[in-house]
């Protein structure tokens, strides 16, 4: 038998390390599969918000028409902030740099008239056509 045809032997230490690694992986997988009991006494909080700035809202959560109006106001505010030349419309680049990636990605679909700019009403119409419930 030539040296090229001889079966290679794994050193005993390497085999033990390989088995230990496999056992560790299996133990980790088994632990991950077990359900975690919910024992937290306090709600989870954003670690980046300092404790003194954490104040729970005393107002009840918005619902229905008020929630839709609130969403529309936030969307309009973001649109207006991206409209740096105050023209009332956004180009694709203004939408992208203003953080309105959704508008930038769907710009051609929103800009039906091919003006190269979209108004807030165009964006709102596009969202409503896709199922958004805005006022």
N, C-alpha and C. Protein backbone atom coordinates (compact mmCIF):
# COMPACT_ATOMS: atom_id res chain seq x y z
N UNK A 1 0.85 -1.17 0.00
CA UNK A 1 0.00 0.00 0.00
C UNK A 1 0.89 1.23 0.00
N UNK A 2 0.65 2.12 -0.90
CA UNK A 2 1.45 3.34 -0.96
C UNK A 2 0.96 4.32 0.09
N UNK A 3 1.78 5.31 0.34
CA UNK A 3 1.40 6.30 1.36
C UNK A 3 0.18 7.10 0.93
N UNK A 4 -0.07 7.21 -0.39
CA UNK A 4 -1.24 7.94 -0.88
C UNK A 4 -2.52 7.18 -0.62
N UNK A 5 -2.43 5.83 -0.52
CA UNK A 5 -3.61 5.01 -0.33
C UNK A 5 -3.88 4.66 1.13
N UNK A 6 -2.99 5.01 2.02
CA UNK A 6 -3.18 4.69 3.43
C UNK A 6 -4.29 5.54 4.03
N UNK A 7 -5.17 4.93 4.80
CA UNK A 7 -6.20 5.75 5.46
C UNK A 7 -5.56 6.67 6.49
N UNK A 8 -6.06 7.86 6.59
CA UNK A 8 -5.53 8.82 7.57
C UNK A 8 -6.17 8.56 8.91
N UNK A 9 -5.41 8.68 9.93
CA UNK A 9 -5.91 8.50 11.28
C UNK A 9 -6.01 9.86 11.96
N UNK A 10 -7.14 10.07 12.59
CA UNK A 10 -7.32 11.29 13.35
C UNK A 10 -6.61 11.13 14.68
N UNK A 11 -5.80 12.11 15.08
CA UNK A 11 -5.14 12.00 16.38
C UNK A 11 -6.19 11.90 17.49
N UNK A 12 -5.95 11.13 18.54
CA UNK A 12 -6.94 10.94 19.59
C UNK A 12 -7.41 12.25 20.21
N UNK A 13 -6.55 13.21 20.39
CA UNK A 13 -6.93 14.49 20.99
C UNK A 13 -7.91 15.24 20.11
N UNK A 14 -7.72 15.17 18.79
CA UNK A 14 -8.63 15.86 17.86
C UNK A 14 -10.00 15.22 17.88
N UNK A 15 -10.06 13.90 17.98
CA UNK A 15 -11.35 13.21 18.03
C UNK A 15 -12.12 13.60 19.28
N UNK A 16 -11.42 13.69 20.40
CA UNK A 16 -12.08 14.08 21.66
C UNK A 16 -12.61 15.51 21.55
N UNK A 17 -11.82 16.38 20.95
CA UNK A 17 -12.25 17.78 20.79
C UNK A 17 -13.46 17.87 19.87
N UNK A 18 -13.46 17.06 18.81
CA UNK A 18 -14.58 17.05 17.88
C UNK A 18 -15.85 16.56 18.56
N UNK A 19 -15.74 15.51 19.37
CA UNK A 19 -16.89 14.99 20.10
C UNK A 19 -17.40 16.02 21.11
N UNK A 20 -16.49 16.69 21.81
CA UNK A 20 -16.89 17.71 22.79
C UNK A 20 -17.60 18.86 22.11
N UNK A 21 -17.12 19.26 20.93
CA UNK A 21 -17.75 20.34 20.18
C UNK A 21 -19.16 19.94 19.75
N UNK A 22 -19.30 18.71 19.25
CA UNK A 22 -20.61 18.23 18.83
C UNK A 22 -21.57 18.19 20.00
N UNK A 23 -21.10 17.75 21.17
CA UNK A 23 -21.96 17.71 22.36
C UNK A 23 -22.41 19.11 22.77
N UNK A 24 -21.49 20.06 22.67
CA UNK A 24 -21.82 21.44 23.03
C UNK A 24 -22.88 22.01 22.09
N UNK A 25 -22.75 21.71 20.80
CA UNK A 25 -23.73 22.18 19.82
C UNK A 25 -25.09 21.56 20.08
N UNK A 26 -25.12 20.27 20.37
CA UNK A 26 -26.39 19.60 20.65
C UNK A 26 -27.03 20.15 21.92
N UNK A 27 -26.22 20.42 22.94
CA UNK A 27 -26.77 20.97 24.19
C UNK A 27 -27.35 22.36 23.95
N UNK A 28 -26.67 23.16 23.15
CA UNK A 28 -27.16 24.50 22.85
C UNK A 28 -28.47 24.42 22.06
N UNK A 29 -28.54 23.50 21.09
CA UNK A 29 -29.76 23.35 20.30
C UNK A 29 -30.91 22.88 21.19
N UNK A 30 -30.63 21.98 22.11
CA UNK A 30 -31.69 21.49 23.00
C UNK A 30 -32.19 22.60 23.92
N UNK A 31 -31.27 23.42 24.41
CA UNK A 31 -31.67 24.53 25.29
C UNK A 31 -32.49 25.55 24.52
N UNK A 32 -32.14 25.77 23.26
CA UNK A 32 -32.88 26.74 22.46
C UNK A 32 -34.29 26.24 22.15
N UNK A 33 -34.46 24.93 22.10
CA UNK A 33 -35.77 24.37 21.78
C UNK A 33 -36.72 24.40 22.96
N UNK A 34 -36.20 24.54 24.18
CA UNK A 34 -37.05 24.58 25.37
C UNK A 34 -37.73 25.93 25.47
N UNK A 35 -39.00 25.95 25.81
CA UNK A 35 -39.68 27.25 25.97
C UNK A 35 -39.12 28.00 27.17
N UNK A 36 -39.02 29.30 27.02
CA UNK A 36 -38.52 30.15 28.10
C UNK A 36 -39.70 30.67 28.89
N UNK A 37 -39.64 30.47 30.18
CA UNK A 37 -40.73 30.93 31.04
C UNK A 37 -40.66 32.45 31.16
N UNK A 38 -41.79 33.10 31.05
CA UNK A 38 -41.86 34.55 31.20
C UNK A 38 -41.91 34.88 32.68
N UNK A 39 -40.78 35.34 33.21
CA UNK A 39 -40.72 35.65 34.63
C UNK A 39 -40.37 37.11 34.88
N UNK A 40 -40.29 37.91 33.83
CA UNK A 40 -39.92 39.31 34.01
C UNK A 40 -40.98 40.04 34.83
N UNK A 41 -40.51 40.81 35.78
CA UNK A 41 -41.42 41.58 36.62
C UNK A 41 -41.75 42.93 36.00
N UNK A 42 -40.85 43.43 35.15
CA UNK A 42 -41.06 44.73 34.52
C UNK A 42 -41.09 44.55 33.00
N UNK A 43 -41.77 45.43 32.30
CA UNK A 43 -41.77 45.33 30.84
C UNK A 43 -40.38 45.60 30.29
N UNK A 44 -40.08 45.05 29.11
CA UNK A 44 -38.79 45.29 28.48
C UNK A 44 -38.69 46.76 28.10
N UNK A 45 -37.50 47.28 28.22
CA UNK A 45 -37.27 48.69 27.92
C UNK A 45 -36.12 48.84 26.95
N UNK A 46 -36.14 49.92 26.23
CA UNK A 46 -35.06 50.23 25.30
C UNK A 46 -33.80 50.54 26.11
N UNK A 47 -32.71 49.80 25.89
CA UNK A 47 -31.50 50.03 26.69
C UNK A 47 -30.84 51.37 26.39
N UNK A 48 -31.18 52.01 25.29
CA UNK A 48 -30.54 53.27 24.93
C UNK A 48 -31.26 54.48 25.51
N UNK A 49 -32.41 54.27 26.11
CA UNK A 49 -33.14 55.38 26.72
C UNK A 49 -32.79 55.41 28.20
N UNK A 50 -32.22 56.51 28.68
CA UNK A 50 -31.84 56.58 30.09
C UNK A 50 -33.06 56.45 31.00
N UNK A 51 -32.89 55.85 32.17
CA UNK A 51 -34.02 55.62 33.07
C UNK A 51 -34.81 56.89 33.40
N UNK A 52 -34.14 58.02 33.54
CA UNK A 52 -34.85 59.25 33.90
C UNK A 52 -35.72 59.76 32.76
N UNK A 53 -35.46 59.31 31.53
CA UNK A 53 -36.26 59.75 30.39
C UNK A 53 -37.42 58.79 30.10
N UNK A 54 -37.49 57.69 30.81
CA UNK A 54 -38.55 56.71 30.59
C UNK A 54 -39.80 57.11 31.35
N UNK A 55 -40.77 57.53 30.62
CA UNK A 55 -42.05 57.90 31.23
C UNK A 55 -43.15 57.24 30.43
N UNK A 56 -43.89 56.34 31.04
CA UNK A 56 -44.98 55.72 30.27
C UNK A 56 -46.05 56.75 29.94
N UNK A 57 -46.65 56.56 28.79
CA UNK A 57 -47.70 57.47 28.35
C UNK A 57 -48.93 57.28 29.24
N UNK A 58 -49.52 58.39 29.64
CA UNK A 58 -50.73 58.33 30.45
C UNK A 58 -51.98 58.33 29.57
N UNK A 59 -51.78 58.67 28.30
CA UNK A 59 -52.91 58.72 27.38
C UNK A 59 -53.23 57.31 26.88
N UNK A 60 -54.49 57.00 26.71
CA UNK A 60 -54.82 55.68 26.17
C UNK A 60 -54.37 55.59 24.71
N UNK A 61 -54.04 54.39 24.23
CA UNK A 61 -53.60 54.26 22.84
C UNK A 61 -54.70 54.70 21.87
N UNK A 62 -54.26 55.32 20.79
CA UNK A 62 -55.20 55.79 19.78
C UNK A 62 -55.83 54.61 19.05
N UNK A 63 -57.06 54.83 18.59
CA UNK A 63 -57.78 53.81 17.84
C UNK A 63 -58.57 54.47 16.71
N UNK A 64 -58.97 53.67 15.75
CA UNK A 64 -59.89 54.11 14.71
C UNK A 64 -59.44 55.34 13.96
N UNK A 65 -60.36 56.29 13.81
CA UNK A 65 -60.11 57.50 13.02
C UNK A 65 -58.96 58.32 13.61
N UNK A 66 -58.86 58.36 14.93
CA UNK A 66 -57.76 59.12 15.55
C UNK A 66 -56.41 58.50 15.22
N UNK A 67 -56.32 57.18 15.23
CA UNK A 67 -55.07 56.51 14.89
C UNK A 67 -54.71 56.76 13.42
N UNK A 68 -55.68 56.67 12.53
CA UNK A 68 -55.43 56.92 11.11
C UNK A 68 -54.97 58.37 10.89
N UNK A 69 -55.58 59.31 11.58
CA UNK A 69 -55.18 60.71 11.46
C UNK A 69 -53.76 60.91 11.99
N UNK A 70 -53.44 60.22 13.06
CA UNK A 70 -52.10 60.32 13.65
C UNK A 70 -51.05 59.77 12.67
N UNK A 71 -51.35 58.66 12.03
CA UNK A 71 -50.43 58.07 11.04
C UNK A 71 -50.25 59.03 9.87
N UNK A 72 -51.34 59.61 9.40
CA UNK A 72 -51.24 60.53 8.27
C UNK A 72 -50.43 61.77 8.63
N UNK A 73 -50.61 62.29 9.86
CA UNK A 73 -49.83 63.46 10.28
C UNK A 73 -48.34 63.14 10.30
N UNK A 74 -47.98 61.97 10.80
CA UNK A 74 -46.57 61.58 10.86
C UNK A 74 -45.99 61.42 9.46
N UNK A 75 -46.75 60.82 8.58
CA UNK A 75 -46.31 60.64 7.20
C UNK A 75 -46.15 62.00 6.52
N UNK A 76 -47.08 62.90 6.74
CA UNK A 76 -47.02 64.25 6.14
C UNK A 76 -45.81 65.01 6.70
N UNK A 77 -45.55 64.87 7.99
CA UNK A 77 -44.40 65.55 8.60
C UNK A 77 -43.10 65.05 7.97
N UNK A 78 -42.98 63.72 7.78
CA UNK A 78 -41.78 63.16 7.15
C UNK A 78 -41.65 63.64 5.70
N UNK A 79 -42.77 63.71 5.00
CA UNK A 79 -42.78 64.20 3.62
C UNK A 79 -42.30 65.65 3.58
N UNK A 80 -42.86 66.48 4.46
CA UNK A 80 -42.49 67.90 4.48
C UNK A 80 -41.02 68.10 4.85
N UNK A 81 -40.49 67.29 5.75
CA UNK A 81 -39.08 67.41 6.12
C UNK A 81 -38.17 67.03 4.95
N UNK A 82 -38.59 66.06 4.14
CA UNK A 82 -37.80 65.65 2.98
C UNK A 82 -37.88 66.67 1.85
N UNK A 83 -38.94 67.49 1.84
CA UNK A 83 -39.14 68.51 0.81
C UNK A 83 -38.28 69.72 1.14
N UNK A 84 -37.00 69.63 0.86
CA UNK A 84 -36.06 70.68 1.30
C UNK A 84 -36.23 72.00 0.57
N UNK A 85 -36.75 71.98 -0.66
CA UNK A 85 -36.94 73.25 -1.37
C UNK A 85 -38.35 73.81 -1.20
N UNK A 86 -39.16 73.17 -0.36
CA UNK A 86 -40.52 73.61 -0.02
C UNK A 86 -41.40 73.81 -1.25
N UNK A 87 -41.26 72.92 -2.23
CA UNK A 87 -42.05 73.01 -3.45
C UNK A 87 -43.38 72.28 -3.33
N UNK A 88 -43.54 71.48 -2.28
CA UNK A 88 -44.76 70.71 -2.12
C UNK A 88 -44.69 69.35 -2.79
N UNK A 89 -43.55 69.05 -3.39
CA UNK A 89 -43.37 67.75 -4.03
C UNK A 89 -41.94 67.25 -3.79
N UNK A 90 -41.75 65.95 -4.01
CA UNK A 90 -40.45 65.32 -3.81
C UNK A 90 -39.97 64.66 -5.08
N UNK A 91 -38.68 64.79 -5.34
CA UNK A 91 -38.07 63.99 -6.39
C UNK A 91 -37.69 62.66 -5.76
N UNK A 92 -37.30 61.70 -6.60
CA UNK A 92 -36.87 60.41 -6.08
C UNK A 92 -35.67 60.58 -5.14
N UNK A 93 -34.74 61.42 -5.53
CA UNK A 93 -33.54 61.62 -4.70
C UNK A 93 -33.88 62.28 -3.37
N UNK A 94 -34.79 63.27 -3.38
CA UNK A 94 -35.20 63.89 -2.12
C UNK A 94 -35.87 62.86 -1.21
N UNK A 95 -36.68 62.00 -1.78
CA UNK A 95 -37.33 60.96 -0.97
C UNK A 95 -36.28 60.03 -0.37
N UNK A 96 -35.29 59.65 -1.16
CA UNK A 96 -34.25 58.74 -0.69
C UNK A 96 -33.43 59.40 0.43
N UNK A 97 -32.95 60.62 0.19
CA UNK A 97 -32.11 61.27 1.20
C UNK A 97 -32.92 61.71 2.41
N UNK A 98 -34.23 61.90 2.24
CA UNK A 98 -35.09 62.30 3.35
C UNK A 98 -35.57 61.14 4.20
N UNK A 99 -35.12 59.91 3.88
CA UNK A 99 -35.50 58.76 4.69
C UNK A 99 -36.82 58.12 4.29
N UNK A 100 -37.36 58.51 3.15
CA UNK A 100 -38.61 57.92 2.67
C UNK A 100 -38.29 56.87 1.61
N UNK A 101 -37.63 55.81 2.04
CA UNK A 101 -37.20 54.75 1.13
C UNK A 101 -38.35 54.10 0.40
N UNK A 102 -39.50 53.97 1.06
CA UNK A 102 -40.67 53.37 0.42
C UNK A 102 -41.10 54.20 -0.78
N UNK A 103 -41.11 55.51 -0.61
CA UNK A 103 -41.50 56.40 -1.71
C UNK A 103 -40.45 56.32 -2.82
N UNK A 104 -39.17 56.30 -2.47
CA UNK A 104 -38.12 56.21 -3.48
C UNK A 104 -38.20 54.91 -4.26
N UNK A 105 -38.45 53.79 -3.56
CA UNK A 105 -38.52 52.48 -4.23
C UNK A 105 -39.73 52.36 -5.16
N UNK A 106 -40.84 53.00 -4.80
CA UNK A 106 -42.08 52.90 -5.59
C UNK A 106 -42.38 54.19 -6.35
N UNK A 107 -41.33 54.97 -6.57
CA UNK A 107 -41.51 56.30 -7.15
C UNK A 107 -42.22 56.26 -8.50
N UNK A 108 -41.81 55.35 -9.38
CA UNK A 108 -42.42 55.29 -10.72
C UNK A 108 -43.90 54.94 -10.65
N UNK A 109 -44.29 54.12 -9.70
CA UNK A 109 -45.69 53.76 -9.55
C UNK A 109 -46.51 54.91 -8.96
N UNK A 110 -45.88 55.69 -8.08
CA UNK A 110 -46.56 56.81 -7.44
C UNK A 110 -46.70 57.98 -8.43
N UNK A 111 -45.65 58.21 -9.21
CA UNK A 111 -45.62 59.32 -10.16
C UNK A 111 -46.30 58.90 -11.47
N UNK A 112 -47.61 58.81 -11.45
CA UNK A 112 -48.37 58.36 -12.63
C UNK A 112 -48.25 59.33 -13.80
N UNK A 113 -48.15 60.61 -13.49
CA UNK A 113 -48.11 61.62 -14.56
C UNK A 113 -46.70 61.83 -15.11
N UNK A 114 -45.72 61.12 -14.58
CA UNK A 114 -44.32 61.19 -15.03
C UNK A 114 -43.77 62.61 -15.00
N UNK A 115 -44.05 63.30 -13.90
CA UNK A 115 -43.55 64.67 -13.72
C UNK A 115 -42.13 64.68 -13.18
N UNK A 116 -41.69 63.57 -12.62
CA UNK A 116 -40.37 63.53 -11.99
C UNK A 116 -40.42 63.96 -10.54
N UNK A 117 -41.63 64.23 -10.03
CA UNK A 117 -41.83 64.63 -8.64
C UNK A 117 -43.21 64.14 -8.21
N UNK A 118 -43.33 63.85 -6.93
CA UNK A 118 -44.63 63.39 -6.41
C UNK A 118 -45.08 64.32 -5.29
N UNK A 119 -46.38 64.57 -5.24
CA UNK A 119 -46.98 65.37 -4.16
C UNK A 119 -47.42 64.43 -3.05
N UNK A 120 -47.74 64.97 -1.90
CA UNK A 120 -48.20 64.14 -0.80
C UNK A 120 -49.48 63.42 -1.17
N UNK A 121 -50.37 64.09 -1.90
CA UNK A 121 -51.62 63.45 -2.33
C UNK A 121 -51.35 62.23 -3.21
N UNK A 122 -50.29 62.28 -4.02
CA UNK A 122 -49.93 61.12 -4.85
C UNK A 122 -49.50 59.94 -3.97
N UNK A 123 -48.71 60.24 -2.97
CA UNK A 123 -48.24 59.19 -2.06
C UNK A 123 -49.42 58.61 -1.29
N UNK A 124 -50.28 59.48 -0.80
CA UNK A 124 -51.45 59.03 -0.05
C UNK A 124 -52.36 58.17 -0.92
N UNK A 125 -52.62 58.61 -2.16
CA UNK A 125 -53.44 57.84 -3.09
C UNK A 125 -52.84 56.45 -3.31
N UNK A 126 -51.52 56.39 -3.51
CA UNK A 126 -50.84 55.12 -3.74
C UNK A 126 -51.02 54.18 -2.54
N UNK A 127 -50.87 54.72 -1.34
CA UNK A 127 -51.01 53.90 -0.13
C UNK A 127 -52.45 53.40 0.03
N UNK A 128 -53.42 54.28 -0.22
CA UNK A 128 -54.84 53.90 -0.08
C UNK A 128 -55.19 52.82 -1.11
N UNK A 129 -54.67 52.94 -2.31
CA UNK A 129 -54.93 51.93 -3.34
C UNK A 129 -54.37 50.55 -2.94
N UNK A 130 -53.39 50.55 -2.07
CA UNK A 130 -52.80 49.30 -1.61
C UNK A 130 -53.32 48.85 -0.27
N UNK A 131 -54.40 49.46 0.19
CA UNK A 131 -55.08 48.97 1.38
C UNK A 131 -54.88 49.80 2.63
N UNK A 132 -54.09 50.85 2.59
CA UNK A 132 -53.91 51.69 3.78
C UNK A 132 -55.21 52.41 4.07
N UNK A 133 -55.52 52.54 5.34
CA UNK A 133 -56.74 53.26 5.73
C UNK A 133 -56.33 54.60 6.29
N UNK A 134 -56.33 55.60 5.44
CA UNK A 134 -56.01 56.97 5.86
C UNK A 134 -57.26 57.82 5.70
N UNK A 135 -57.31 58.91 6.42
CA UNK A 135 -58.48 59.82 6.31
C UNK A 135 -58.30 60.79 5.19
